[in-house]
Protein backbone atom coordinates (compact mmCIF):
# COMPACT_ATOMS: atom_id res chain seq x y z
CA MET A 1 112.09 166.64 55.35
CA LYS A 2 111.94 170.37 54.70
CA THR A 3 114.92 171.95 52.99
CA LEU A 4 116.29 175.43 52.61
CA GLU A 5 117.22 176.85 49.22
CA TYR A 6 118.13 180.40 48.31
CA THR A 7 119.57 182.24 45.35
CA TYR A 8 121.94 185.19 45.37
CA ARG A 9 123.84 187.22 42.87
CA VAL A 10 127.56 188.09 42.82
CA GLY A 11 128.49 190.34 39.93
CA GLN A 12 126.72 189.02 36.84
CA LYS A 13 126.41 185.44 38.10
CA THR A 14 123.50 183.94 40.05
CA TYR A 15 124.20 181.20 42.58
CA MET A 16 121.96 178.77 44.44
CA ALA A 17 122.77 177.40 47.89
CA SER A 18 121.09 175.49 50.69
CA ARG A 19 123.35 175.90 53.72
CA ALA A 20 122.05 177.96 56.63
CA ALA A 21 125.27 177.74 58.65
CA PHE A 22 128.58 175.90 58.66
CA ILE A 23 127.99 174.94 62.30
CA ARG A 24 124.46 174.69 63.66
CA VAL A 25 123.80 173.28 67.11
CA PRO A 26 121.26 170.43 67.16
CA TYR A 27 119.02 172.05 69.78
CA SER A 28 118.65 175.36 67.93
CA THR A 29 115.49 176.44 66.12
CA PRO A 30 115.02 174.34 62.97
CA VAL A 31 115.95 176.11 59.75
CA TYR A 32 112.46 175.77 58.28
CA LYS A 33 111.05 177.68 61.27
CA THR A 34 113.67 180.43 61.03
CA TYR A 35 113.24 181.31 57.35
CA ARG A 36 110.02 181.65 55.35
CA LYS A 37 109.57 181.01 51.64
CA GLY A 38 110.06 184.22 49.68
CA GLN A 39 111.74 185.99 52.60
CA LYS A 40 114.64 188.29 51.72
CA VAL A 41 117.79 187.19 53.51
CA LYS A 42 121.34 188.46 53.84
CA VAL A 43 123.73 185.95 52.28
CA ARG A 44 127.38 185.79 53.32
CA TYR A 45 129.68 184.24 50.74
CA ASP A 46 133.36 183.49 50.36
CA PRO A 47 134.81 186.18 48.06
CA ARG A 48 137.38 183.66 46.75
CA ASP A 49 134.65 181.09 46.05
CA PRO A 50 131.23 182.80 45.76
CA ALA A 51 129.49 179.43 45.38
CA ARG A 52 130.26 178.83 49.06
CA ALA A 53 127.65 180.72 51.08
CA VAL A 54 125.72 180.72 54.36
CA LEU A 55 122.99 182.75 56.00
CA GLU A 56 124.37 182.45 59.55
CA PRO A 57 128.15 182.98 59.57
CA GLY A 58 130.40 182.06 62.47
CA ALA A 59 129.95 179.51 65.20
CA PRO A 60 127.41 179.65 68.02
CA VAL A 61 129.27 180.46 71.24
CA LEU A 62 126.98 178.33 73.42
CA GLY A 63 127.52 175.32 71.17
CA ILE A 64 131.30 175.69 71.33
CA ILE A 65 131.25 176.04 75.13
CA ALA A 66 128.99 172.99 75.49
CA GLU A 67 131.23 170.87 73.22
CA PHE A 68 134.33 171.98 75.16
CA ALA A 69 132.70 171.20 78.52
CA VAL A 70 131.59 167.73 77.41
CA SER A 71 135.06 167.01 76.00
CA ALA A 72 136.74 168.16 79.23
CA ILE A 73 134.43 165.98 81.34
CA LEU A 74 135.11 162.93 79.18
CA ILE A 75 138.87 163.51 79.38
CA LEU A 76 138.68 163.80 83.18
CA ILE A 77 136.63 160.60 83.43
CA GLY A 78 139.13 158.80 81.20
CA ALA A 79 142.10 160.11 83.22
CA ALA A 80 140.44 159.09 86.49
CA GLY A 81 139.80 155.63 85.06
CA LEU A 82 143.46 155.28 84.14
CA VAL A 83 144.70 156.51 87.52
CA PHE A 84 142.37 154.39 89.62
CA GLY A 85 142.61 151.42 87.22
CA PHE A 86 146.36 151.14 87.71
CA ARG A 87 146.09 151.23 91.53
CA LYS A 88 144.82 147.65 91.74
């Protein structure tokens, strides 16, 4: 399994991290295909806790919409099952 590791500096301290994103959709481009060894990247870190960092901040909109749609469909199926199940 290929992994991602990067180092970054905040003030006088150097940090090492391996997280590309807090939320990454399973069908997106694999991390090892997105970033090359030795490539300079922009690191986003939490100013209150600089050890907490990512390369891709935020959540992918398409992933959130897909999760919401699947959840809504499952809720509707469950509600329909309850309604039609009690009619017997």
